[in-house]
Every structure is written in structure tokens, then in C-alpha cells.
């Protein structure tokens, strides 16, 4: 993770803080609806990199009626 313009970086930051909040809001909602985060991207910290980072997130116990199962959540985008 780091500056997406640098060689060797596989995961860059989100474009805006608004987008970061939207993505982490989906993680919050998934958890509130009963899904269990096995890997929680909200816990990512980037000490040296500037930007709006959300790490990979993997849920367990997701059911078809949950928001995170019905909506496409894009943690990477460009405007």
C-alpha cells in the first residue's frame, strides 16, 4: 500500500475522504447486519503515506439479504 504512482505499489489510496467514509460505512453496515469481518480494512494505518486508505476486507456469515451482498462496493475508483 502506498502512492499508487510508485513502482511496486499494488494498492493506493481512495480518491477522497468522502469515498473512504462511504466504503468504511459499508463495512460498518455489514457488521451491524450480522456479518463477521475476518479481515478488517478499517484497521489499516499508513504512517508514512498520505491519502485515504482502506485495506482489504473479508466478511464471513454474509447472507443474501445483507446490504454488502446486494450492492457493489468499490474501494477503488477514479473521478
C-alpha atoms as a PDB file:
ATOM      1  CA  UNK A   1       0.000   0.000   0.000  1.00  0.00           C
ATOM      2  CA  UNK A   2       1.181   3.484  -0.743  1.00  0.00           C
ATOM      3  CA  UNK A   3       1.421   6.047  -3.520  1.00  0.00           C
ATOM      4  CA  UNK A   4      -0.233   4.350  -6.495  1.00  0.00           C
ATOM      5  CA  UNK A   5       2.123   6.161  -8.883  1.00  0.00           C
ATOM      6  CA  UNK A   6       5.176   4.421  -7.433  1.00  0.00           C
ATOM      7  CA  UNK A   7       6.566   1.154  -8.804  1.00  0.00           C
ATOM      8  CA  UNK A   8       5.767  -1.899  -6.734  1.00  0.00           C
ATOM      9  CA  UNK A   9       2.664  -0.433  -5.107  1.00  0.00           C
ATOM     10  CA  UNK A  10      -0.332  -2.715  -5.533  1.00  0.00           C
ATOM     11  CA  UNK A  11      -2.907  -0.749  -3.550  1.00  0.00           C
ATOM     12  CA  UNK A  12      -3.221   3.011  -3.499  1.00  0.00           C
ATOM     13  CA  UNK A  13      -5.462   5.359  -1.535  1.00  0.00           C
ATOM     14  CA  UNK A  14      -9.064   6.226  -2.314  1.00  0.00           C
ATOM     15  CA  UNK A  15      -9.654   9.485  -4.140  1.00  0.00           C
ATOM     16  CA  UNK A  16     -11.348  11.477  -1.363  1.00  0.00           C
ATOM     17  CA  UNK A  17     -12.130  11.283   2.327  1.00  0.00           C
ATOM     18  CA  UNK A  18     -15.825  11.184   1.357  1.00  0.00           C
ATOM     19  CA  UNK A  19     -15.171   7.981  -0.596  1.00  0.00           C
ATOM     20  CA  UNK A  20     -13.218   6.477   2.320  1.00  0.00           C
ATOM     21  CA  UNK A  21     -16.139   7.225   4.630  1.00  0.00           C
ATOM     22  CA  UNK A  22     -18.582   5.639   2.164  1.00  0.00           C
ATOM     23  CA  UNK A  23     -16.511   2.440   1.939  1.00  0.00           C
ATOM     24  CA  UNK A  24     -15.995   2.178   5.709  1.00  0.00           C
ATOM     25  CA  UNK A  25     -19.723   2.867   6.132  1.00  0.00           C
ATOM     26  CA  UNK A  26     -20.452  -0.298   4.146  1.00  0.00           C
ATOM     27  CA  UNK A  27     -18.085  -2.217   6.418  1.00  0.00           C
ATOM     28  CA  UNK A  28     -19.907  -0.791   9.449  1.00  0.00           C
ATOM     29  CA  UNK A  29     -23.282  -1.705   7.940  1.00  0.00           C
ATOM     30  CA  UNK A  30     -22.185  -5.249   7.128  1.00  0.00           C
ATOM     31  CA  UNK A  31     -21.081  -5.748  10.701  1.00  0.00           C
ATOM     32  CA  UNK A  32     -24.299  -4.179  12.061  1.00  0.00           C
ATOM     33  CA  UNK A  33     -26.359  -6.558   9.897  1.00  0.00           C
ATOM     34  CA  UNK A  34     -24.547  -9.576  11.361  1.00  0.00           C
ATOM     35  CA  UNK A  35     -21.626 -10.251   9.022  1.00  0.00           C
ATOM     36  CA  UNK A  36     -18.327 -11.008  10.744  1.00  0.00           C
ATOM     37  CA  UNK A  37     -15.207  -9.238   9.435  1.00  0.00           C
ATOM     38  CA  UNK A  38     -12.331 -11.704   9.189  1.00  0.00           C
ATOM     39  CA  UNK A  39     -10.026  -9.077   7.721  1.00  0.00           C
ATOM     40  CA  UNK A  40     -10.990  -5.505   8.603  1.00  0.00           C
ATOM     41  CA  UNK A  41      -9.805  -2.758   6.258  1.00  0.00           C
ATOM     42  CA  UNK A  42     -10.830  -0.082   8.741  1.00  0.00           C
ATOM     43  CA  UNK A  43      -7.843  -1.069  10.878  1.00  0.00           C
ATOM     44  CA  UNK A  44      -5.284  -0.081   8.226  1.00  0.00           C
ATOM     45  CA  UNK A  45      -2.916   2.703   9.144  1.00  0.00           C
ATOM     46  CA  UNK A  46      -0.396   4.278   6.825  1.00  0.00           C
ATOM     47  CA  UNK A  47       2.215   6.077   8.853  1.00  0.00           C
ATOM     48  CA  UNK A  48       4.279   7.491   6.001  1.00  0.00           C
ATOM     49  CA  UNK A  49       1.849   7.562   3.079  1.00  0.00           C
ATOM     50  CA  UNK A  50      -0.600  10.382   2.599  1.00  0.00           C
ATOM     51  CA  UNK A  51      -4.090   9.568   1.457  1.00  0.00           C
ATOM     52  CA  UNK A  52      -7.376   7.935   2.290  1.00  0.00           C
ATOM     53  CA  UNK A  53      -6.634   4.258   2.816  1.00  0.00           C
ATOM     54  CA  UNK A  54      -8.991   1.362   3.447  1.00  0.00           C
ATOM     55  CA  UNK A  55      -7.389  -2.044   3.493  1.00  0.00           C
ATOM     56  CA  UNK A  56      -8.763  -5.297   2.127  1.00  0.00           C
ATOM     57  CA  UNK A  57     -11.856  -6.510   3.936  1.00  0.00           C
ATOM     58  CA  UNK A  58     -13.224 -10.055   4.055  1.00  0.00           C
ATOM     59  CA  UNK A  59     -16.524 -10.987   5.714  1.00  0.00           C
ATOM     60  CA  UNK A  60     -17.874 -14.296   6.976  1.00  0.00           C
ATOM     61  CA  UNK A  61     -21.528 -15.129   7.698  1.00  0.00           C
ATOM     62  CA  UNK A  62     -22.888 -12.937   4.911  1.00  0.00           C
ATOM     63  CA  UNK A  63     -26.467 -13.687   3.910  1.00  0.00           C
ATOM     64  CA  UNK A  64     -28.165 -12.749   0.629  1.00  0.00           C
ATOM     65  CA  UNK A  65     -30.374 -10.060   2.208  1.00  0.00           C
ATOM     66  CA  UNK A  66     -27.431  -8.078   3.644  1.00  0.00           C
ATOM     67  CA  UNK A  67     -26.536  -4.776   2.012  1.00  0.00           C
ATOM     68  CA  UNK A  68     -22.938  -5.891   1.421  1.00  0.00           C
ATOM     69  CA  UNK A  69     -24.229  -8.901  -0.530  1.00  0.00           C
ATOM     70  CA  UNK A  70     -26.636  -6.885  -2.693  1.00  0.00           C
ATOM     71  CA  UNK A  71     -24.619  -3.783  -3.553  1.00  0.00           C
ATOM     72  CA  UNK A  72     -21.343  -3.403  -5.383  1.00  0.00           C
ATOM     73  CA  UNK A  73     -18.821  -1.726  -3.127  1.00  0.00           C
ATOM     74  CA  UNK A  74     -15.904  -0.212  -4.959  1.00  0.00           C
ATOM     75  CA  UNK A  75     -12.939   0.675  -2.815  1.00  0.00           C
ATOM     76  CA  UNK A  76     -11.032   1.796  -5.890  1.00  0.00           C
ATOM     77  CA  UNK A  77     -12.339   4.474  -8.179  1.00  0.00           C
ATOM     78  CA  UNK A  78     -11.347   7.456 -10.205  1.00  0.00           C
ATOM     79  CA  UNK A  79     -13.313  10.597 -10.837  1.00  0.00           C
END
